[in-house]
């Protein structure tokens, strides 16, 4: 079994300075007053539904959309971990850093506050598994500069050429922040991720 290669924060991200707590709080406030102000409802031009779910007793932001591509193509996109940064706009780095059996460890980085703060995590993704009528890809943080980061992709075949894609995203920051501040940003982050994945899957389906 190939062991995972987990990098230390000295190699994969800037060190956490003494002012980290103030920066994270400032980032959260900026996000809450800026991007979180976007509507949580989809539109005709952007048919993405934003909502929230319970995950392990905690609230997670989620989004879903219908992709005009077969489920096999959609699966190939959401398991293309090393290229997330090419089709999910918020990611500035995505790199496969190791394997543990059939699981994949992926380093992800998201800059906020115009690059002043970098949220980073090594997320361990399971291979796709059937769960009822859905196919599920689960990822859990094994290292990072937040307390917790979980991501759950769900695929559901609507027709042979259409797939419903959902993402549930849970991030617990280092500071205790209210759900009213964190959840709108998580819903919007999940919406951006499914939108980017939808565009990439539809592109691949036509090539």
Protein backbone atom coordinates (compact mmCIF):
# COMPACT_ATOMS: atom_id res chain seq x y z
CA UNK A 1 0.00 0.00 0.00
CA UNK A 2 1.43 3.32 -1.01
CA UNK A 3 1.56 5.70 1.93
CA UNK A 4 0.27 9.22 1.77
CA UNK A 5 2.78 12.05 1.38
CA UNK A 6 1.52 14.74 3.77
CA UNK A 7 3.47 17.99 3.52
CA UNK A 8 4.02 20.25 6.48
CA UNK A 9 2.56 23.76 6.46
CA UNK A 10 6.11 25.10 5.95
CA UNK A 11 6.11 23.54 2.47
CA UNK A 12 2.49 23.88 1.33
CA UNK A 13 1.38 27.20 2.81
CA UNK A 14 2.59 30.31 4.55
CA UNK A 15 3.23 29.87 8.30
CA UNK A 16 0.37 30.82 10.60
CA UNK A 17 1.50 34.13 12.09
CA UNK A 18 0.51 35.59 15.42
CA UNK A 19 -2.05 37.78 13.70
CA UNK A 20 -3.83 34.80 12.09
CA UNK A 21 -6.92 35.05 14.29
CA UNK A 22 -7.44 38.72 13.47
CA UNK A 23 -6.95 38.04 9.74
CA UNK A 24 -9.41 35.15 9.73
CA UNK A 25 -12.00 37.19 11.58
CA UNK A 26 -11.51 40.07 9.16
CA UNK A 27 -11.79 37.68 6.23
CA UNK A 28 -14.99 36.19 7.59
CA UNK A 29 -16.51 39.63 8.08
CA UNK A 30 -15.50 40.68 4.58
CA UNK A 31 -16.96 37.51 3.09
CA UNK A 32 -20.15 37.86 5.09
CA UNK A 33 -20.67 41.43 3.95
CA UNK A 34 -19.56 40.83 0.36
CA UNK A 35 -19.98 37.49 -1.35
CA UNK A 36 -22.53 36.27 1.18
CA UNK A 37 -24.82 39.09 0.09
CA UNK A 38 -25.40 37.27 -3.21
CA UNK A 39 -28.81 35.69 -3.62
CA UNK A 40 -29.19 32.09 -2.42
CA UNK A 41 -31.73 31.41 -5.18
CA UNK A 42 -30.83 30.21 -8.63
CA UNK A 43 -31.88 32.03 -11.78
CA UNK A 44 -32.86 31.04 -15.31
CA UNK A 45 -29.33 31.83 -16.49
CA UNK A 46 -27.70 30.09 -13.52
CA UNK A 47 -30.02 27.23 -12.43
CA UNK A 48 -28.19 26.36 -9.23
CA UNK A 49 -30.04 25.79 -5.98
CA UNK A 50 -28.24 26.77 -2.78
CA UNK A 51 -29.31 25.21 0.53
CA UNK A 52 -27.93 23.72 3.73
CA UNK A 53 -27.80 20.23 5.23
CA UNK A 54 -26.85 18.65 8.53
CA UNK A 55 -23.53 16.79 8.53
CA UNK A 56 -22.45 15.07 11.72
CA UNK A 57 -24.55 17.38 13.86
CA UNK A 58 -23.23 20.50 12.11
CA UNK A 59 -24.66 22.68 9.36
CA UNK A 60 -23.04 22.48 5.93
CA UNK A 61 -23.56 24.65 2.87
CA UNK A 62 -24.73 22.87 -0.25
CA UNK A 63 -25.68 23.45 -3.87
CA UNK A 64 -27.07 21.38 -6.71
CA UNK A 65 -27.65 21.65 -10.44
CA UNK A 66 -28.51 19.46 -13.42
CA UNK A 67 -25.60 18.77 -15.78
CA UNK A 68 -26.25 18.03 -19.44
CA UNK A 69 -23.77 15.16 -19.47
CA UNK A 70 -23.84 11.43 -18.63
CA UNK A 71 -22.98 10.47 -15.07
CA UNK A 72 -19.74 8.83 -16.21
CA UNK A 73 -18.52 12.14 -17.61
CA UNK A 74 -19.55 14.02 -14.46
CA UNK A 75 -17.75 11.42 -12.36
CA UNK A 76 -14.58 11.91 -14.40
CA UNK A 77 -14.72 15.63 -13.59
CA UNK A 78 -15.27 15.47 -9.84
CA UNK A 79 -12.57 12.82 -9.45
CA UNK A 80 -10.08 14.87 -11.50
CA UNK A 81 -8.73 16.21 -8.22
CA UNK A 82 -5.42 17.48 -9.54
CA UNK A 83 -7.17 19.83 -11.98
CA UNK A 84 -9.79 21.34 -9.67
CA UNK A 85 -8.01 24.68 -9.93
CA UNK A 86 -8.57 24.73 -13.69
CA UNK A 87 -12.38 24.62 -13.52
CA UNK A 88 -13.32 25.70 -9.96
CA UNK A 89 -12.60 29.41 -9.82
CA UNK A 90 -11.94 29.79 -6.07
CA UNK A 91 -9.13 27.21 -5.97
CA UNK A 92 -5.64 28.59 -6.56
CA UNK A 93 -3.86 25.28 -6.08
CA UNK A 94 -4.89 21.64 -6.40
CA UNK A 95 -2.30 18.89 -6.27
CA UNK A 96 -2.44 15.17 -5.58
CA UNK A 97 0.10 14.60 -2.80
CA UNK A 98 -0.37 10.94 -1.97
CA UNK A 99 -2.40 7.73 -1.95
CA UNK A 100 -3.62 5.56 0.92
CA UNK A 101 -4.95 2.38 -0.64
CA UNK A 102 -7.76 3.48 -2.94
CA UNK A 103 -8.03 6.92 -1.30
CA UNK A 104 -6.46 10.07 -2.77
CA UNK A 105 -4.88 12.88 -0.75
CA UNK A 106 -5.26 16.27 -2.41
CA UNK A 107 -3.71 19.58 -1.34
CA UNK A 108 -6.14 22.45 -1.92
CA UNK A 109 -5.54 26.16 -1.40
CA UNK A 110 -8.03 29.03 -1.43
CA UNK A 111 -6.76 32.61 -0.99
CA UNK A 112 -9.05 35.16 0.65
CA UNK A 113 -8.72 38.85 1.55
CA UNK A 114 -7.06 39.50 -1.83
CA UNK A 115 -4.42 36.89 -1.11
CA UNK A 116 -3.53 38.12 2.39
CA UNK A 117 -4.74 34.86 3.92
CA UNK A 118 -4.55 31.38 2.40
CA UNK A 119 -6.91 28.67 3.56
CA UNK A 120 -5.28 25.32 2.81
CA UNK A 121 -6.01 21.70 3.52
CA UNK A 122 -4.98 18.20 2.54
CA UNK A 123 -8.27 16.42 1.87
CA UNK A 124 -8.50 12.63 1.63
CA UNK A 125 -11.07 11.60 -1.01
CA UNK A 126 -12.67 8.16 -1.08
CA UNK A 127 -13.33 6.50 -4.45
CA UNK A 128 -16.91 6.79 -5.76
CA UNK A 129 -19.37 4.59 -3.89
CA UNK A 130 -23.04 3.77 -4.41
CA UNK A 131 -25.43 5.13 -1.78
CA UNK A 132 -29.00 4.30 -2.64
CA UNK A 133 -29.74 5.79 -6.06
CA UNK A 134 -26.78 8.14 -5.78
CA UNK A 135 -23.07 7.85 -6.37
CA UNK A 136 -21.05 9.57 -3.64
CA UNK A 137 -17.47 10.86 -3.41
CA UNK A 138 -16.50 11.89 0.12
CA UNK A 139 -13.49 13.93 1.20
CA UNK A 140 -12.27 14.70 4.73
CA UNK A 141 -9.41 16.95 5.83
CA UNK A 142 -6.37 15.22 7.31
CA UNK A 143 -4.25 18.37 7.67
CA UNK A 144 -4.86 22.09 7.27
CA UNK A 145 -5.16 25.49 8.87
CA UNK A 146 -8.87 25.19 9.68
CA UNK A 147 -10.43 22.89 12.27
CA UNK A 148 -12.41 20.81 9.81
CA UNK A 149 -13.13 20.60 6.10
CA UNK A 150 -15.49 17.99 4.62
CA UNK A 151 -16.70 17.81 1.02
CA UNK A 152 -19.32 15.37 -0.27
CA UNK A 153 -20.14 15.15 -3.98
CA UNK A 154 -23.39 13.38 -4.93
CA UNK A 155 -24.32 12.28 -8.44
CA UNK A 156 -27.79 11.13 -9.45
CA UNK A 157 -28.63 9.95 -12.96
CA UNK A 158 -31.68 11.83 -14.24
CA UNK A 159 -31.57 10.49 -17.81
CA UNK A 160 -28.77 8.78 -19.77
CA UNK A 161 -27.60 12.24 -20.83
CA UNK A 162 -28.38 14.28 -17.69
CA UNK A 163 -26.99 14.08 -14.17
CA UNK A 164 -27.95 15.91 -11.01
CA UNK A 165 -24.78 17.08 -9.24
CA UNK A 166 -24.73 18.13 -5.58
CA UNK A 167 -21.95 19.30 -3.30
CA UNK A 168 -22.14 19.53 0.50
CA UNK A 169 -19.34 21.62 2.00
CA UNK A 170 -18.49 21.91 5.69
CA UNK A 171 -15.68 24.16 6.93
CA UNK A 172 -15.08 24.88 10.61
CA UNK A 173 -12.79 27.92 11.01
CA UNK A 174 -10.25 28.25 13.79
CA UNK A 175 -12.36 30.93 15.46
CA UNK A 176 -15.88 30.26 16.76
CA UNK A 177 -18.10 32.06 14.26
CA UNK A 178 -21.91 31.95 14.02
CA UNK A 179 -23.59 29.89 11.32
CA UNK A 180 -25.23 33.08 10.05
CA UNK A 181 -21.77 34.29 9.06
CA UNK A 182 -20.29 31.05 7.74
CA UNK A 183 -23.19 29.28 6.00
CA UNK A 184 -23.95 31.88 3.30
CA UNK A 185 -20.33 31.74 2.18
CA UNK A 186 -20.34 27.93 2.17
CA UNK A 187 -23.53 27.87 0.09
CA UNK A 188 -21.99 30.24 -2.42
CA UNK A 189 -18.70 28.31 -2.47
CA UNK A 190 -20.60 25.07 -3.15
CA UNK A 191 -22.55 26.82 -5.92
CA UNK A 192 -19.36 28.01 -7.61
CA UNK A 193 -17.91 24.50 -7.39
CA UNK A 194 -20.92 22.79 -8.98
CA UNK A 195 -21.13 25.53 -11.63
CA UNK A 196 -17.51 25.06 -12.62
CA UNK A 197 -17.83 21.28 -12.60
CA UNK A 198 -21.00 21.48 -14.68
CA UNK A 199 -19.29 23.62 -17.31
CA UNK A 200 -16.31 21.26 -17.48
CA UNK A 201 -18.50 18.15 -17.72
CA UNK A 202 -20.63 19.65 -20.49
CA UNK A 203 -17.47 20.67 -22.32
CA UNK A 204 -16.08 17.13 -22.08
CA UNK A 205 -19.39 15.62 -23.16
CA UNK A 206 -19.31 17.50 -26.45
CA UNK A 207 -15.66 16.74 -27.29
